[in-house]
Amino acid sequence: MGAFVIQGFNRESDWSRIHATVAGLGIAGFAAADALAQLGAKVRVVDAQDGQKQREKAAILDVIGVEVILGHDGSLLETDLLIVSPGLRPSDPLILQAQSAGVPVWGELELAWRLRAAEGAAPWLVVTGTNGKTTTTLMLESMLKAAGLRAVAAGNIGHSLVSVVMHDDLDVIAVEVGAPQLPFVESMSPLASVCLNIADDHIDHFGTFENYVLAKAKIYERTQVAAVFNADDHATIRMVENANVIEGCRAVGFTLSIPDVSMLGVVEEFLVDRAFLDDRQRSAQELASKDDVQPNAPHNIANALAAAALARAFGVSASAIKLGLEQFEPAGHRIANVATIDEVTYIDDSKATNAHAALTSLRAYPSVVWIAGGMAKGQDFSTLIAEVGHKMRGVVLLGVDRGVIADGLSRHAPQVPVKVIERNDTEAMVEVVAAARDFAQPGDTVLLAPGCASWDMFRDYAQRGELFADAVRKLGLGRS
């Protein structure tokens, strides 16, 4: 098992000699199995689930000769290569069995990189971070398209990266990368890369915060032109300092302050570049105004600067950066303005699924009724509450770990009134919005920034945000 050496394998290799196992039948797993079958490999897919969605995908793969085992018990069957879903923890028994047996383990990123065309493959501009990845990647895509480039956002964003590279007629790819995709990357070499920020998240997946940071740091390995870092986040600075980049690669920072040389930043009302111009010692290139970034909360300006740095590394003009920001349409449930009712603004930031994201969102508003709770994933909310508790007009809590946040509020902001919603069905959101309305005063913001995962009560964060928005609209109709 695993005796056949495939470490140097790429798209042009003889895959007919390979027995490959794909673990997981999600978007990435399905695309990996399809691509490997196209290349002539003998492919088996295993998945612990055996639901309707898995069976439908299995039926499609069966047509092209892919064996699918649903309800798999986690044992490693004879194979030359294991392709793993980002949903599998690095400590998963299947992965440990493969490593013990000397079987190479690749993730989606590694497979996609190896399956790029030998000639003329589109370079990758890669984005990771605890928060802001999707917004930054979509901003980047918008900037690239504004420059007239054939570009697409792929990876952790919903478009399979393997499928994109197998049909590559692009100039450049904006790649969103989640931390669970990074442990099994060996040869990826992006043209430019960025880690936006680091905060506690995915600890349940990696076991420790240190392991999580080490996984994120792999984004910079073998970067060719620009390793972009958050100059306001010491963790990303250390990552770049320790990164094994390609010789000649530059470190480029972004900051919400006035930028130093080789950085992008903010001067008065403008986003400026002091990294990608000839006379960066004495001048700066204006890229856009704050008003071109919508919504222009501070963390979204940071996202725009990071996207601009990657685009500039690829040679995109300042005018295209501005146009890309003007044309950018944010993904749903990210600081989305739902309505203003009785001079109270209701904001859906359901995508704020960890404490760091919630804190960043709360910082953007002067007086807030905070809606929070869900699956806390072992997080501590003390820092958040201690920093922004004074902004809170009131707090409405829901979800399985609502007590964790309630305890933090009682210790660090006992003056803040709290309403706990006990019910756990999806109709609870109507009560949540009603309770928030009762706390709010004219000029306040009612902010759904839960700081927690949604799966205890909702299908996903999108459904949580949609139900919040529906409840707000019903509230508005009731007042008209």
Protein backbone atom coordinates (compact mmCIF):
# COMPACT_ATOMS: atom_id res chain seq x y z
CA MET A 1 0.00 0.00 0.00
CA GLY A 2 1.41 3.39 -1.02
CA ALA A 3 4.52 1.77 -2.48
CA PHE A 4 3.98 3.49 -5.82
CA VAL A 5 5.75 6.86 -5.61
CA ILE A 6 3.55 9.72 -6.85
CA GLN A 7 5.21 12.70 -5.19
CA GLY A 8 6.18 14.17 -8.54
CA PHE A 9 2.86 13.49 -10.20
CA ASN A 10 1.13 16.26 -12.15
CA ARG A 11 -1.51 16.64 -14.81
CA GLU A 12 0.69 15.07 -17.50
CA SER A 13 1.59 11.98 -15.46
CA ASP A 14 0.28 8.44 -16.11
CA TRP A 15 -2.58 8.31 -13.63
CA SER A 16 -3.81 4.96 -14.95
CA ARG A 17 -1.38 3.25 -12.57
CA ILE A 18 -2.82 5.01 -9.51
CA HIS A 19 -5.45 3.75 -7.10
CA ALA A 20 -6.76 6.89 -5.38
CA THR A 21 -9.11 7.19 -2.42
CA VAL A 22 -11.13 10.37 -1.94
CA ALA A 23 -12.46 10.89 1.59
CA GLY A 24 -15.63 12.95 1.63
CA LEU A 25 -18.33 13.47 -1.00
CA GLY A 26 -18.85 17.21 -0.67
CA ILE A 27 -18.12 19.83 -3.35
CA ALA A 28 -14.35 19.32 -3.18
CA GLY A 29 -14.51 15.53 -2.94
CA PHE A 30 -16.89 15.15 -5.87
CA ALA A 31 -14.72 17.40 -8.06
CA ALA A 32 -11.54 15.52 -7.05
CA ALA A 33 -13.07 12.14 -7.90
CA ASP A 34 -14.36 13.43 -11.23
CA ALA A 35 -11.00 14.95 -12.20
CA LEU A 36 -8.96 11.89 -11.23
CA ALA A 37 -11.33 9.63 -13.14
CA GLN A 38 -10.96 11.85 -16.21
CA LEU A 39 -7.20 11.43 -15.95
CA GLY A 40 -7.56 7.64 -15.88
CA ALA A 41 -6.96 6.89 -12.20
CA LYS A 42 -8.86 4.11 -10.45
CA VAL A 43 -10.91 6.09 -7.94
CA ARG A 44 -12.79 5.12 -4.80
CA VAL A 45 -14.78 7.60 -2.70
CA VAL A 46 -15.58 6.95 0.95
CA ASP A 47 -17.99 8.93 3.10
CA ALA A 48 -19.29 8.23 6.59
CA GLN A 49 -22.66 9.70 5.64
CA ASP A 50 -25.32 7.84 3.66
CA GLY A 51 -27.97 10.45 2.96
CA GLN A 52 -29.93 11.46 -0.11
CA LYS A 53 -27.36 14.03 -1.25
CA GLN A 54 -24.54 11.50 -1.00
CA ARG A 55 -26.54 8.89 -2.91
CA GLU A 56 -27.35 11.31 -5.73
CA LYS A 57 -23.66 12.19 -6.16
CA ALA A 58 -22.68 8.52 -5.91
CA ALA A 59 -25.06 7.67 -8.76
CA ILE A 60 -23.39 10.28 -10.99
CA LEU A 61 -19.89 9.05 -10.16
CA ASP A 62 -20.93 5.46 -10.79
CA VAL A 63 -21.58 6.37 -14.44
CA ILE A 64 -17.90 7.32 -14.90
CA GLY A 65 -16.61 4.25 -13.11
CA VAL A 66 -15.92 5.65 -9.66
CA GLU A 67 -16.57 3.29 -6.75
CA VAL A 68 -18.41 4.94 -3.85
CA ILE A 69 -18.69 3.52 -0.34
CA LEU A 70 -21.26 5.34 1.80
CA GLY A 71 -21.58 4.76 5.53
CA HIS A 72 -17.84 4.06 5.54
CA ASP A 73 -16.42 2.85 8.85
CA GLY A 74 -13.20 4.88 8.62
CA SER A 75 -10.83 2.02 7.79
CA LEU A 76 -8.14 2.59 5.17
CA LEU A 77 -8.53 0.38 2.12
CA GLU A 78 -5.61 -0.41 -0.17
CA THR A 79 -4.66 2.73 -2.05
CA ASP A 80 -1.72 4.73 -3.47
CA LEU A 81 -3.08 8.17 -2.56
CA LEU A 82 -5.56 9.64 -0.08
CA ILE A 83 -7.34 12.89 -1.00
CA VAL A 84 -8.97 14.35 2.11
CA SER A 85 -11.92 16.64 2.61
CA PRO A 86 -11.29 19.79 4.69
CA GLY A 87 -13.98 18.44 7.01
CA LEU A 88 -11.61 15.72 8.27
CA ARG A 89 -9.46 16.70 11.22
CA PRO A 90 -5.71 16.13 10.84
CA SER A 91 -6.10 13.65 13.71
CA ASP A 92 -8.83 11.64 11.95
CA PRO A 93 -8.09 7.88 12.17
CA LEU A 94 -8.28 7.51 8.38
CA ILE A 95 -5.54 10.11 7.92
CA LEU A 96 -3.40 8.63 10.69
CA GLN A 97 -3.71 5.17 9.12
CA ALA A 98 -2.57 6.52 5.75
CA GLN A 99 0.39 8.34 7.26
CA SER A 100 1.40 5.24 9.21
CA ALA A 101 1.24 3.17 6.02
CA GLY A 102 3.30 5.68 4.01
CA VAL A 103 0.37 6.66 1.79
CA PRO A 104 0.62 10.29 0.57
CA VAL A 105 -2.17 12.53 1.89
CA TRP A 106 -3.23 15.52 -0.21
CA GLY A 107 -5.94 18.10 0.29
CA GLU A 108 -7.93 19.94 -2.36
CA LEU A 109 -5.29 22.67 -2.74
CA GLU A 110 -2.47 20.23 -3.33
CA LEU A 111 -4.44 18.22 -5.88
CA ALA A 112 -5.61 21.35 -7.69
CA TRP A 113 -2.08 22.76 -7.86
CA ARG A 114 -0.75 19.53 -9.36
CA LEU A 115 -3.58 19.37 -11.90
CA ARG A 116 -2.88 22.81 -13.35
CA ALA A 117 -2.00 22.85 -17.03
CA ALA A 118 1.72 22.37 -17.69
CA GLU A 119 1.79 25.50 -19.89
CA GLY A 120 -0.08 28.74 -19.41
CA ALA A 121 -1.82 27.91 -16.12
CA ALA A 122 -3.46 30.88 -14.40
CA PRO A 123 -1.48 32.17 -11.38
CA TRP A 124 -3.11 32.03 -7.95
CA LEU A 125 -3.73 34.97 -5.63
CA VAL A 126 -4.52 33.30 -2.30
CA VAL A 127 -6.51 34.65 0.66
CA THR A 128 -6.85 33.21 4.16
CA GLY A 129 -7.49 34.56 7.66
CA THR A 130 -9.83 33.95 10.55
CA ASN A 131 -12.32 36.53 9.28
CA GLY A 132 -13.00 38.43 6.06
CA LYS A 133 -11.80 35.77 3.60
CA THR A 134 -14.87 35.65 1.38
CA THR A 135 -15.34 39.41 1.25
CA THR A 136 -11.66 39.96 0.39
CA THR A 137 -11.65 37.23 -2.26
CA LEU A 138 -14.78 38.61 -3.92
CA MET A 139 -13.36 42.15 -3.79
CA LEU A 140 -10.22 40.82 -5.44
CA GLU A 141 -12.23 39.08 -8.14
CA SER A 142 -14.10 42.33 -8.81
CA MET A 143 -10.84 44.28 -9.13
CA LEU A 144 -9.35 41.72 -11.51
CA LYS A 145 -12.46 41.75 -13.70
CA ALA A 146 -12.51 45.56 -13.67
CA ALA A 147 -9.01 45.37 -15.15
CA GLY A 148 -10.40 43.33 -18.05
CA LEU A 149 -8.88 40.07 -16.85
CA ARG A 150 -10.47 36.64 -17.12
CA ALA A 151 -10.72 35.85 -13.42
CA VAL A 152 -12.80 33.80 -11.01
CA ALA A 153 -13.05 33.35 -7.26
CA ALA A 154 -12.71 29.68 -6.26
CA GLY A 155 -11.72 27.37 -3.42
CA ASN A 156 -13.40 27.71 -0.04
CA ILE A 157 -15.88 30.11 -1.63
CA GLY A 158 -18.14 27.50 -3.24
CA HIS A 159 -16.53 27.01 -6.66
CA SER A 160 -14.37 23.88 -6.68
CA LEU A 161 -10.75 24.81 -7.33
CA VAL A 162 -10.08 21.42 -8.90
CA SER A 163 -12.91 21.95 -11.41
CA VAL A 164 -11.61 25.43 -12.23
CA VAL A 165 -8.05 24.31 -12.98
CA MET A 166 -9.26 21.36 -15.05
CA HIS A 167 -10.99 23.82 -17.40
CA ASP A 168 -8.54 26.70 -17.07
CA ASP A 169 -9.05 29.44 -19.66
CA LEU A 170 -8.32 32.19 -17.16
CA ASP A 171 -5.71 34.89 -16.64
CA VAL A 172 -5.71 34.61 -12.83
CA ILE A 173 -7.60 32.87 -10.01
CA ALA A 174 -8.60 34.44 -6.68
CA VAL A 175 -8.40 31.54 -4.22
CA GLU A 176 -10.12 31.58 -0.83
CA VAL A 177 -8.51 29.14 1.59
CA GLY A 178 -9.87 28.00 4.94
CA ALA A 179 -7.49 26.69 7.59
CA PRO A 180 -8.77 23.09 7.31
CA GLN A 181 -7.58 23.05 3.69
CA LEU A 182 -3.96 23.84 4.58
CA PRO A 183 -2.45 20.96 6.58
CA PHE A 184 -1.85 18.76 3.52
CA VAL A 185 -0.34 21.30 1.13
CA GLU A 186 3.12 20.44 -0.22
CA SER A 187 3.86 22.15 -3.52
CA MET A 188 1.42 25.08 -3.94
CA SER A 189 3.28 28.22 -5.00
CA PRO A 190 0.94 31.23 -5.29
CA LEU A 191 1.97 34.41 -7.05
CA ALA A 192 0.81 36.39 -4.00
CA SER A 193 -0.81 35.46 -0.70
CA VAL A 194 -2.33 37.11 2.35
CA CYS A 195 -3.37 36.12 5.86
CA LEU A 196 -5.85 38.80 6.90
CA ASN A 197 -5.88 38.18 10.67
CA ILE A 198 -5.60 35.49 13.31
CA ALA A 199 -7.93 34.81 16.23
CA ASP A 200 -9.28 31.78 18.08
CA ASP A 201 -11.22 29.57 15.69
CA HIS A 202 -11.26 25.95 14.55
CA ILE A 203 -9.63 24.91 17.82
CA ASP A 204 -11.90 21.88 17.84
CA HIS A 205 -10.52 20.94 14.41
CA PHE A 206 -6.81 21.45 15.11
CA GLY A 207 -6.68 20.61 18.80
CA THR A 208 -4.71 23.71 19.82
CA PHE A 209 -4.48 27.35 18.82
CA GLU A 210 -0.81 26.83 17.99
CA ASN A 211 -1.66 24.11 15.46
CA TYR A 212 -4.26 26.41 13.92
CA VAL A 213 -1.69 29.20 13.50
CA LEU A 214 0.85 26.79 11.99
CA ALA A 215 -1.76 25.69 9.45
CA LYS A 216 -2.55 29.28 8.49
CA ALA A 217 1.15 30.10 8.12
CA LYS A 218 1.45 27.59 5.27
CA ILE A 219 -0.31 30.12 3.04
CA TYR A 220 2.99 31.97 2.64
CA GLU A 221 5.19 28.99 1.78
CA ARG A 222 6.68 29.25 -1.73
CA THR A 223 4.92 32.57 -2.45
CA GLN A 224 6.53 34.07 -5.53
CA VAL A 225 5.97 37.85 -5.70
CA ALA A 226 4.26 39.30 -2.62
CA ALA A 227 3.59 37.94 0.88
CA VAL A 228 0.91 40.36 2.10
CA PHE A 229 0.40 40.72 5.85
CA ASN A 230 -1.74 42.71 8.26
CA ALA A 231 0.58 45.27 9.82
CA ASP A 232 -1.96 45.73 12.62
CA ASP A 233 -1.88 42.01 13.52
CA HIS A 234 1.37 40.77 15.08
CA ALA A 235 0.60 37.13 14.32
CA THR A 236 0.56 37.71 10.56
CA ILE A 237 3.78 39.74 10.81
CA ARG A 238 5.52 36.78 12.49
CA MET A 239 4.16 34.42 9.85
CA VAL A 240 5.77 36.41 7.05
CA GLU A 241 9.02 36.80 8.96
CA ASN A 242 9.27 33.01 9.30
CA ALA A 243 7.94 32.06 5.87
CA ASN A 244 9.97 30.10 3.35
CA VAL A 245 9.06 32.21 0.31
CA ILE A 246 10.61 32.17 -3.17
CA GLU A 247 13.76 34.30 -3.40
CA GLY A 248 12.82 37.82 -4.46
CA CYS A 249 9.35 37.71 -2.91
CA ARG A 250 8.49 40.97 -1.13
CA ALA A 251 6.73 41.42 2.20
CA VAL A 252 3.90 43.93 1.73
CA GLY A 253 1.84 45.19 4.65
CA PHE A 254 -1.59 46.76 4.88
CA THR A 255 -2.80 48.99 7.71
CA LEU A 256 -5.71 51.20 8.66
CA SER A 257 -3.14 53.88 9.53
CA ILE A 258 -0.82 55.95 7.34
CA PRO A 259 1.31 53.39 5.49
CA ASP A 260 5.07 53.11 5.66
CA VAL A 261 7.15 52.19 2.60
CA SER A 262 6.11 48.84 1.04
CA MET A 263 2.65 49.09 2.58
CA LEU A 264 -0.90 50.00 1.66
CA GLY A 265 -2.93 52.10 4.07
CA VAL A 266 -5.22 55.03 4.71
CA VAL A 267 -4.42 58.73 4.42
CA GLU A 268 -7.34 60.94 5.43
CA GLU A 269 -10.26 59.63 3.33
CA PHE A 270 -8.20 57.68 0.82
CA LEU A 271 -6.84 54.16 0.40
CA VAL A 272 -3.27 54.52 -0.86
CA ASP A 273 -0.41 52.35 -2.10
CA ARG A 274 3.25 52.83 -1.12
CA ALA A 275 4.33 49.36 -2.25
CA PHE A 276 3.68 48.96 -5.98
CA LEU A 277 5.02 52.19 -7.47
CA ASP A 278 8.48 53.36 -8.49
CA ASP A 279 8.96 56.25 -6.06
CA ARG A 280 7.50 54.62 -2.97
CA GLN A 281 10.07 56.30 -0.71
CA ARG A 282 8.59 59.76 -1.30
CA SER A 283 5.08 59.30 -2.68
CA ALA A 284 1.89 57.26 -2.54
CA GLN A 285 -0.60 56.20 -5.19
CA GLU A 286 -4.23 56.99 -4.44
CA LEU A 287 -6.34 53.88 -5.10
CA ALA A 288 -9.86 54.73 -3.91
CA SER A 289 -11.80 56.64 -1.29
CA LYS A 290 -13.37 55.17 1.81
CA ASP A 291 -16.76 55.85 0.25
CA ASP A 292 -15.88 53.45 -2.59
CA VAL A 293 -15.86 50.65 0.02
CA GLN A 294 -19.38 49.62 0.98
CA PRO A 295 -20.09 49.07 3.75
CA ASN A 296 -17.07 51.11 4.86
CA ALA A 297 -16.71 49.74 8.39
CA PRO A 298 -13.02 49.65 9.42
CA HIS A 299 -12.62 45.89 9.00
CA ASN A 300 -14.09 46.12 5.50
CA ILE A 301 -11.59 48.85 4.59
CA ALA A 302 -8.87 46.44 5.76
CA ASN A 303 -10.35 43.76 3.50
CA ALA A 304 -10.27 46.19 0.58
CA LEU A 305 -6.62 47.07 1.23
CA ALA A 306 -5.66 43.38 1.35
CA ALA A 307 -7.49 42.68 -1.90
CA ALA A 308 -5.87 45.70 -3.50
CA ALA A 309 -2.40 44.53 -2.45
CA LEU A 310 -2.92 41.16 -4.15
CA ALA A 311 -4.34 42.80 -7.26
CA ARG A 312 -1.46 45.28 -7.43
CA ALA A 313 1.00 42.39 -7.10
CA PHE A 314 -0.53 41.06 -10.31
CA GLY A 315 -0.15 44.44 -12.00
CA VAL A 316 -3.71 45.78 -11.75
CA SER A 317 -3.94 49.57 -12.20
CA ALA A 318 -5.14 51.98 -9.52
CA SER A 319 -8.15 52.92 -11.67
CA ALA A 320 -9.21 49.26 -11.86
CA ILE A 321 -8.90 48.95 -8.07
CA LYS A 322 -11.31 51.86 -7.66
CA LEU A 323 -13.72 50.54 -10.30
CA GLY A 324 -13.63 47.06 -8.79
CA LEU A 325 -14.59 48.43 -5.38
CA GLU A 326 -17.38 50.54 -6.88
CA GLN A 327 -18.80 47.49 -8.69
CA PHE A 328 -18.31 45.06 -5.81
CA GLU A 329 -21.42 43.33 -4.47
CA PRO A 330 -20.90 41.89 -0.97
CA ALA A 331 -21.85 38.29 -0.25
CA GLY A 332 -24.89 37.89 1.94
CA HIS A 333 -25.04 38.10 5.74
CA ARG A 334 -21.90 40.22 6.12
CA ILE A 335 -22.74 43.53 7.85
CA ALA A 336 -25.80 43.78 5.57
CA ASN A 337 -28.20 46.64 6.28
CA VAL A 338 -31.65 45.05 6.55
CA ALA A 339 -33.84 48.04 7.48
CA THR A 340 -34.18 51.16 9.57
CA ILE A 341 -37.32 51.18 11.72
CA ASP A 342 -38.19 53.96 14.18
CA GLU A 343 -34.65 55.36 13.72
CA VAL A 344 -33.09 52.02 14.70
CA THR A 345 -30.86 50.27 12.13
CA TYR A 346 -30.97 46.47 11.87
CA ILE A 347 -27.76 44.81 10.63
CA ASP A 348 -27.33 41.16 9.58
CA ASP A 349 -23.78 39.96 10.23
CA SER A 350 -24.73 36.31 10.71
CA LYS A 351 -21.41 35.33 9.09
CA ALA A 352 -19.68 36.55 12.28
CA THR A 353 -19.40 32.99 13.57
CA ASN A 354 -16.55 33.52 16.06
CA ALA A 355 -15.79 35.98 18.82
CA HIS A 356 -13.15 37.85 16.83
CA ALA A 357 -15.56 38.48 13.96
CA ALA A 358 -18.27 39.60 16.35
CA LEU A 359 -15.87 41.97 18.12
CA THR A 360 -14.78 43.47 14.81
CA SER A 361 -18.40 44.05 13.89
CA LEU A 362 -19.32 45.54 17.26
CA ARG A 363 -16.45 48.00 17.04
CA ALA A 364 -18.06 49.58 13.98
CA TYR A 365 -21.13 50.95 15.80
CA PRO A 366 -21.37 53.42 18.71
CA SER A 367 -24.48 52.04 20.44
CA VAL A 368 -25.61 48.46 19.90
CA VAL A 369 -28.25 45.94 20.84
CA TRP A 370 -26.23 42.79 20.36
CA ILE A 371 -27.84 39.51 19.25
CA ALA A 372 -25.50 36.62 20.03
CA GLY A 373 -25.25 32.92 20.73
CA GLY A 374 -25.20 29.49 19.12
CA MET A 375 -22.41 26.93 19.27
CA ALA A 376 -19.47 28.66 20.97
CA LYS A 377 -16.88 26.01 19.93
CA GLY A 378 -15.01 26.44 23.23
CA GLN A 379 -14.46 30.18 22.80
CA ASP A 380 -14.08 32.71 25.58
CA PHE A 381 -15.98 36.00 25.13
CA SER A 382 -14.33 37.87 28.00
CA THR A 383 -12.07 40.03 25.81
CA LEU A 384 -14.95 41.02 23.55
CA ILE A 385 -17.24 42.00 26.41
CA ALA A 386 -14.53 43.85 28.32
CA GLU A 387 -13.66 45.93 25.23
CA VAL A 388 -17.10 46.83 23.88
CA GLY A 389 -19.50 46.16 26.76
CA HIS A 390 -19.85 49.91 27.26
CA LYS A 391 -21.42 50.18 23.77
CA MET A 392 -24.17 47.68 24.50
CA ARG A 393 -27.67 49.02 25.07
CA GLY A 394 -28.78 45.47 25.67
CA VAL A 395 -28.03 41.87 24.64
CA VAL A 396 -30.37 39.18 23.33
CA LEU A 397 -29.02 35.63 23.62
CA LEU A 398 -30.10 32.40 21.95
CA GLY A 399 -28.66 29.00 21.17
CA VAL A 400 -27.11 26.08 22.96
CA ASP A 401 -24.17 28.02 24.44
CA ARG A 402 -26.06 31.21 25.35
CA GLY A 403 -25.06 30.63 28.95
CA VAL A 404 -21.36 31.01 28.11
CA ILE A 405 -21.94 34.55 26.87
CA ALA A 406 -24.37 35.33 29.69
CA ASP A 407 -21.70 34.39 32.23
CA GLY A 408 -19.18 36.66 30.53
CA LEU A 409 -21.64 39.55 30.56
CA SER A 410 -22.40 39.09 34.26
CA ARG A 411 -18.67 39.26 35.06
CA HIS A 412 -17.48 41.99 32.71
CA ALA A 413 -20.57 44.10 31.91
CA PRO A 414 -23.12 43.53 34.70
CA GLN A 415 -24.79 46.85 33.89
CA VAL A 416 -25.97 45.60 30.48
CA PRO A 417 -29.54 44.23 30.43
CA VAL A 418 -29.82 40.73 28.96
CA LYS A 419 -32.77 38.85 27.50
CA VAL A 420 -32.31 35.08 27.09
CA ILE A 421 -34.49 33.33 24.51
CA GLU A 422 -35.08 29.80 25.77
CA ARG A 423 -36.79 28.24 22.76
CA ASN A 424 -34.56 26.50 20.21
CA ASP A 425 -36.71 26.25 17.08
CA THR A 426 -36.22 28.52 14.08
CA GLU A 427 -39.24 30.64 15.06
CA ALA A 428 -37.19 31.85 18.01
CA MET A 429 -35.81 34.60 15.76
CA VAL A 430 -39.17 36.42 15.90
CA GLU A 431 -38.83 36.62 19.70
CA VAL A 432 -35.18 37.66 19.34
CA VAL A 433 -36.01 40.62 17.11
CA ALA A 434 -38.93 41.65 19.32
CA ALA A 435 -36.67 41.63 22.39
CA ALA A 436 -34.02 43.65 20.55
CA ARG A 437 -36.64 46.20 19.51
CA ASP A 438 -37.66 46.63 23.16
CA PHE A 439 -34.06 47.40 24.16
CA ALA A 440 -33.27 49.74 21.26
CA GLN A 441 -33.49 53.54 21.27
CA PRO A 442 -33.40 55.95 18.30
CA GLY A 443 -29.89 56.00 16.82
CA ASP A 444 -29.04 52.49 18.01
CA THR A 445 -28.00 49.54 15.85
CA VAL A 446 -29.53 46.11 16.38
CA LEU A 447 -26.67 43.85 15.36
CA LEU A 448 -26.90 40.13 14.64
CA ALA A 449 -23.24 39.19 15.09
CA PRO A 450 -23.61 35.90 16.96
CA GLY A 451 -19.95 35.05 17.56
CA CYS A 452 -20.99 31.40 17.32
CA ALA A 453 -21.72 28.70 14.77
CA SER A 454 -25.36 28.25 13.75
CA TRP A 455 -25.82 24.47 13.51
CA ASP A 456 -27.51 24.01 16.88
CA MET A 457 -30.67 25.73 15.62
CA PHE A 458 -30.28 26.54 11.94
CA ARG A 459 -29.21 24.88 8.70
CA ASP A 460 -26.30 27.33 8.42
CA TYR A 461 -25.41 30.96 9.06
CA ALA A 462 -27.30 31.97 5.89
CA GLN A 463 -30.60 30.60 7.17
CA ARG A 464 -29.99 32.31 10.51
CA GLY A 465 -29.48 35.63 8.73
CA GLU A 466 -32.48 35.14 6.45
CA LEU A 467 -34.79 34.42 9.39
CA PHE A 468 -33.45 37.51 11.18
CA ALA A 469 -34.11 39.65 8.11
CA ASP A 470 -37.60 38.17 7.72
CA ALA A 471 -38.41 38.96 11.35
CA VAL A 472 -37.15 42.52 10.94
CA ARG A 473 -39.27 43.05 7.82
CA LYS A 474 -42.35 41.75 9.64
CA LEU A 475 -41.58 44.17 12.43
CA GLY A 476 -41.46 46.98 9.89
CA LEU A 477 -44.78 45.97 8.35
CA GLY A 478 -46.31 45.96 11.79
CA ARG A 479 -45.26 49.57 12.31
CA SER A 480 -46.47 50.83 8.90
